[in-house]
Protein backbone atom coordinates (compact mmCIF):
# COMPACT_ATOMS: atom_id res chain seq x y z
CA UNK A 1 98.18 94.69 74.20
CA UNK A 2 97.45 93.13 77.77
CA UNK A 3 94.33 91.56 78.66
CA UNK A 4 92.27 93.51 81.01
CA UNK A 5 93.29 92.06 84.70
CA UNK A 6 90.97 90.11 87.01
CA UNK A 7 89.61 92.30 89.96
CA UNK A 8 92.41 93.30 92.03
CA UNK A 9 92.59 93.70 95.42
CA UNK A 10 94.04 97.06 97.25
CA UNK A 11 96.10 96.99 100.32
CA UNK A 12 92.93 98.35 102.11
CA UNK A 13 90.95 95.32 100.79
CA UNK A 14 88.99 96.76 98.21
CA UNK A 15 88.56 95.62 94.66
CA UNK A 16 89.95 98.53 92.26
CA UNK A 17 88.82 97.01 88.99
CA UNK A 18 86.32 95.09 87.44
CA UNK A 19 86.73 92.23 84.92
CA UNK A 20 83.51 93.73 83.10
CA UNK A 21 85.51 97.14 81.92
CA UNK A 22 88.79 98.14 81.68
CA UNK A 23 90.33 99.68 84.53
CA UNK A 24 89.96 103.55 84.97
CA UNK A 25 93.09 105.22 85.69
CA UNK A 26 93.56 108.75 86.76
CA UNK A 27 97.06 110.00 85.37
CA UNK A 28 98.90 112.06 87.87
CA UNK A 29 100.81 113.94 85.12
CA UNK A 30 103.28 115.91 87.94
CA UNK A 31 104.71 119.51 87.93
CA UNK A 32 107.81 118.79 86.14
CA UNK A 33 106.33 116.91 83.34
CA UNK A 34 103.72 119.30 82.61
CA UNK A 35 106.14 122.16 82.49
CA UNK A 36 109.56 120.61 81.61
CA UNK A 37 108.92 117.26 79.72
CA UNK A 38 105.22 116.74 78.30
CA UNK A 39 106.15 113.90 76.18
CA UNK A 40 106.61 111.88 79.47
CA UNK A 41 102.98 112.50 80.04
CA UNK A 42 101.86 111.33 76.56
CA UNK A 43 104.26 108.45 76.76
CA UNK A 44 102.82 107.20 80.18
CA UNK A 45 99.11 107.31 78.51
CA UNK A 46 100.29 105.36 75.62
CA UNK A 47 101.78 102.67 77.96
CA UNK A 48 98.51 102.87 79.99
CA UNK A 49 96.02 102.70 77.19
CA UNK A 50 98.38 99.79 75.62
CA UNK A 51 98.11 97.81 78.83
CA UNK A 52 94.20 98.06 78.63
CA UNK A 53 93.41 100.95 80.76
CA UNK A 54 90.92 104.02 79.86
CA UNK A 55 93.35 107.16 80.92
CA UNK A 56 92.01 110.10 82.39
CA UNK A 57 93.78 113.37 83.09
CA UNK A 58 91.58 115.46 85.98
CA UNK A 59 92.24 118.90 86.66
CA UNK A 60 95.55 118.76 89.10
CA UNK A 61 98.15 120.58 90.58
CA UNK A 62 101.59 119.89 92.59
CA UNK A 63 101.34 116.54 94.67
CA UNK A 64 102.68 119.43 97.82
CA UNK A 65 106.41 117.32 98.21
CA UNK A 66 108.49 120.51 98.13
CA UNK A 67 106.19 122.23 100.52
CA UNK A 68 106.12 119.12 102.84
CA UNK A 69 110.12 118.53 102.62
CA UNK A 70 110.39 122.29 103.49
CA UNK A 71 107.88 122.12 106.59
CA UNK A 72 105.07 123.91 105.21
CA UNK A 73 102.27 121.43 106.55
CA UNK A 74 99.54 124.33 105.57
CA UNK A 75 100.36 124.42 102.34
CA UNK A 76 101.24 120.89 101.94
CA UNK A 77 97.51 120.31 103.11
CA UNK A 78 95.70 122.42 101.09
CA UNK A 79 97.58 120.76 97.91
CA UNK A 80 96.85 117.33 99.13
CA UNK A 81 93.35 118.02 99.53
CA UNK A 82 92.86 118.95 95.83
CA UNK A 83 94.68 116.03 94.99
CA UNK A 84 92.38 113.60 96.77
CA UNK A 85 89.57 115.64 95.70
CA UNK A 86 90.91 115.34 91.71
CA UNK A 87 91.62 111.41 91.83
CA UNK A 88 88.93 110.06 94.10
CA UNK A 89 86.66 108.80 91.51
CA UNK A 90 89.37 106.58 89.51
CA UNK A 91 90.44 102.91 90.03
CA UNK A 92 93.83 103.80 90.00
CA UNK A 93 95.93 106.78 89.94
CA UNK A 94 99.67 106.24 88.15
CA UNK A 95 102.51 108.86 88.14
CA UNK A 96 105.51 108.56 85.86
CA UNK A 97 107.52 109.45 89.19
CA UNK A 98 108.37 107.49 92.27
CA UNK A 99 108.71 110.67 94.15
CA UNK A 100 105.05 111.88 93.43
CA UNK A 101 103.85 108.50 93.99
CA UNK A 102 105.87 107.82 97.07
CA UNK A 103 104.39 111.21 98.50
CA UNK A 104 100.42 110.38 97.99
CA UNK A 105 100.91 106.39 98.89
CA UNK A 106 103.28 107.19 101.77
CA UNK A 107 103.51 110.66 103.12
CA UNK A 108 99.12 111.42 102.81
CA UNK A 109 98.59 109.08 105.52
CA UNK A 110 101.19 110.67 107.74
CA UNK A 111 99.84 114.21 106.82
CA UNK A 112 96.28 113.36 107.59
CA UNK A 113 97.00 111.18 110.75
CA UNK A 114 95.18 113.49 112.87
CA UNK A 115 92.28 114.22 111.00
CA UNK A 116 89.50 111.92 111.22
CA UNK A 117 87.41 113.64 108.06
CA UNK A 118 90.60 113.45 105.64
CA UNK A 119 92.52 110.17 106.88
CA UNK A 120 90.20 107.77 105.53
CA UNK A 121 90.12 109.42 102.02
CA UNK A 122 93.91 110.15 101.96
CA UNK A 123 94.31 106.41 103.28
CA UNK A 124 92.21 105.51 100.16
CA UNK A 125 94.20 107.30 97.55
CA UNK A 126 97.58 106.13 99.01
CA UNK A 127 96.26 102.64 98.50
CA UNK A 128 95.66 102.95 94.75
CA UNK A 129 98.54 104.86 93.81
CA UNK A 130 101.25 103.58 91.99
CA UNK A 131 104.81 104.46 90.22
CA UNK A 132 104.26 104.18 86.38
CA UNK A 133 106.26 100.86 85.72
CA UNK A 134 105.27 99.29 89.21
CA UNK A 135 101.81 99.54 87.77
CA UNK A 136 102.49 98.28 84.71
CA UNK A 137 104.44 94.99 85.83
CA UNK A 138 102.68 94.47 89.25
CA UNK A 139 99.26 95.30 88.78
CA UNK A 140 98.41 94.78 84.84
CA UNK A 141 100.87 92.38 84.45
CA UNK A 142 102.01 94.02 81.09
CA UNK A 143 105.74 93.69 80.29
CA UNK A 144 106.16 93.75 76.65
CA UNK A 145 105.41 97.21 75.04
CA UNK A 146 106.65 96.38 71.45
CA UNK A 147 108.73 98.87 71.40
CA UNK A 148 112.24 99.34 69.65
CA UNK A 149 115.48 101.09 71.05
CA UNK A 150 118.61 100.14 69.45
CA UNK A 151 120.90 101.21 71.82
CA UNK A 152 122.98 100.58 74.78
CA UNK A 153 121.68 102.27 78.21
CA UNK A 154 122.42 102.35 81.86
CA UNK A 155 119.82 102.84 84.45
CA UNK A 156 119.48 105.17 87.50
CA UNK A 157 117.31 103.96 90.46
CA UNK A 158 115.80 107.04 91.95
CA UNK A 159 115.61 107.36 95.68
CA UNK A 160 111.75 107.31 96.42
CA UNK A 161 110.55 104.93 93.81
CA UNK A 162 113.25 102.55 95.06
CA UNK A 163 113.02 102.92 98.98
CA UNK A 164 109.59 104.25 99.36
CA UNK A 165 107.92 102.01 96.71
CA UNK A 166 110.22 99.17 95.85
CA UNK A 167 110.38 100.13 92.28
CA UNK A 168 113.74 98.28 91.23
CA UNK A 169 113.03 95.32 88.96
CA UNK A 170 110.05 96.37 87.39
CA UNK A 171 111.43 98.98 85.11
CA UNK A 172 114.37 96.67 84.24
CA UNK A 173 111.61 93.69 83.25
CA UNK A 174 109.81 95.97 80.96
CA UNK A 175 113.34 97.28 79.39
CA UNK A 176 114.20 93.51 79.06
CA UNK A 177 111.20 93.29 76.38
CA UNK A 178 112.49 96.14 74.20
CA UNK A 179 113.68 94.86 71.04
CA UNK A 180 117.44 95.79 70.50
CA UNK A 181 118.21 97.03 73.63
CA UNK A 182 121.23 96.04 76.20
CA UNK A 183 120.74 97.43 79.36
CA UNK A 184 124.65 97.84 81.18
CA UNK A 185 124.43 98.52 84.94
CA UNK A 186 126.38 101.36 86.15
CA UNK A 187 128.10 101.00 89.23
CA UNK A 188 125.97 102.14 92.51
CA UNK A 189 122.96 102.46 90.30
CA UNK A 190 120.64 102.78 93.47
CA UNK A 191 123.10 105.71 94.94
CA UNK A 192 121.38 109.27 95.13
CA UNK A 193 121.96 111.61 92.15
CA UNK A 194 122.05 114.76 94.37
CA UNK A 195 118.73 116.17 93.04
CA UNK A 196 116.42 115.69 95.83
CA UNK A 197 114.08 118.27 95.50
CA UNK A 198 114.83 121.25 97.59
CA UNK A 199 117.63 119.63 98.48
CA UNK A 200 119.62 120.67 95.82
CA UNK A 201 118.73 124.02 95.99
CA UNK A 202 119.57 124.40 99.80
CA UNK A 203 122.99 122.46 99.62
CA UNK A 204 123.92 123.43 96.28
CA UNK A 205 127.77 122.03 97.07
CA UNK A 206 126.54 118.66 98.69
CA UNK A 207 124.41 118.33 95.70
CA UNK A 208 127.11 118.90 93.10
CA UNK A 209 129.41 116.54 95.07
CA UNK A 210 126.71 113.70 94.85
CA UNK A 211 125.95 114.12 91.17
CA UNK A 212 129.30 114.54 90.12
CA UNK A 213 129.90 110.93 91.70
CA UNK A 214 126.72 109.91 90.13
CA UNK A 215 127.88 110.93 86.33
CA UNK A 216 131.29 109.33 86.74
CA UNK A 217 129.50 106.02 87.27
CA UNK A 218 127.07 106.73 84.37
CA UNK A 219 130.02 107.70 82.05
CA UNK A 220 132.41 104.75 83.17
CA UNK A 221 129.68 102.13 82.54
CA UNK A 222 130.14 103.01 78.42
CA UNK A 223 126.26 103.41 77.91
CA UNK A 224 125.44 106.59 75.68
CA UNK A 225 122.15 106.53 76.71
CA UNK A 226 121.15 107.11 80.56
CA UNK A 227 117.29 106.24 81.44
CA UNK A 228 115.27 106.80 84.76
CA UNK A 229 112.15 107.43 86.01
CA UNK A 230 112.14 110.56 87.87
CA UNK A 231 112.01 113.49 85.80
CA UNK A 232 113.81 115.54 88.38
CA UNK A 233 116.63 113.24 88.80
CA UNK A 234 117.05 113.04 85.27
CA UNK A 235 117.38 116.63 84.70
CA UNK A 236 119.90 117.37 87.48
CA UNK A 237 121.83 114.31 85.95
CA UNK A 238 121.54 115.84 82.54
CA UNK A 239 122.49 119.22 83.39
CA UNK A 240 125.81 117.73 85.30
CA UNK A 241 126.71 115.67 81.95
CA UNK A 242 125.93 118.97 79.87
CA UNK A 243 128.19 121.23 81.94
CA UNK A 244 131.17 118.41 82.02
CA UNK A 245 130.85 118.23 78.34
CA UNK A 246 129.59 114.45 78.29
CA UNK A 247 127.41 113.11 75.16
CA UNK A 248 125.49 110.81 77.07
CA UNK A 249 121.24 110.95 75.63
CA UNK A 250 119.17 111.36 79.16
CA UNK A 251 115.53 110.19 78.72
CA UNK A 252 112.68 108.90 80.77
CA UNK A 253 112.25 105.62 80.72
CA UNK A 254 108.28 105.89 79.62
CA UNK A 255 109.91 107.84 76.53
CA UNK A 256 111.64 104.54 75.33
CA UNK A 257 109.15 102.07 76.56
CA UNK A 258 106.33 104.04 74.24
CA UNK A 259 108.58 104.34 71.48
CA UNK A 260 108.60 107.78 71.70
CA UNK A 261 112.39 109.00 71.44
CA UNK A 262 111.49 111.56 68.31
CA UNK A 263 111.91 114.52 70.90
CA UNK A 264 115.25 116.02 71.70
CA UNK A 265 116.89 114.17 74.92
CA UNK A 266 116.73 116.09 78.20
CA UNK A 267 119.00 118.91 78.15
CA UNK A 268 119.96 118.63 74.64
CA UNK A 269 119.78 121.51 71.99
CA UNK A 270 116.95 121.42 69.80
């Protein structure tokens, strides 16, 4: 357990946590986790609680990224307003997804740039929103979870988390503290897996070519386990590995860090 941190100053210059109480974190579960892999949400909650936070899961919906990427700004605004309202009262907002956290932190201010009523609220939410591993390492200074995982793993850096939020060293720092775990870096770990949300639907052939190159690097690493921090990427890579008859075990990094690996791997048969 980490100690409750001293008052942290956000990018907006406002105190986000008080030394008198644990930080109140609103967990943004994400659509894919809620629908496809709830264990990731439970793992994220466990990690946040172990780091000294009180975790709340308010009623929530999609962050709006699929609509935003498709050019539907009206639907995106409707969804974003719901998210801003739902998470306004927390010290921090944390998501086990670089793409969803990146949408809130990077694109909400862009979305409301011409709206003087919503822009301050969008900026305030953006300033206190983090991807899970970044929050644990950079805000809570919590780098040892006490987990054990006696396997060799390789790690994929998801595009949004890496390029929009600078998430790269943080998951590796956390994995270094997992007893028995050996990290083997694949070639081009920071190259896209081909998912890209609606990109994989609109440009299936291109997406397949990209994920084929990615899964080649995964298998050539020799690691029997693949980890990443975004469920969309993990589902895309797991699907390709399964179609090609590969036996690589695919998991969200939060499941390993929380010691919650009893659930079948992503894409595996129950």
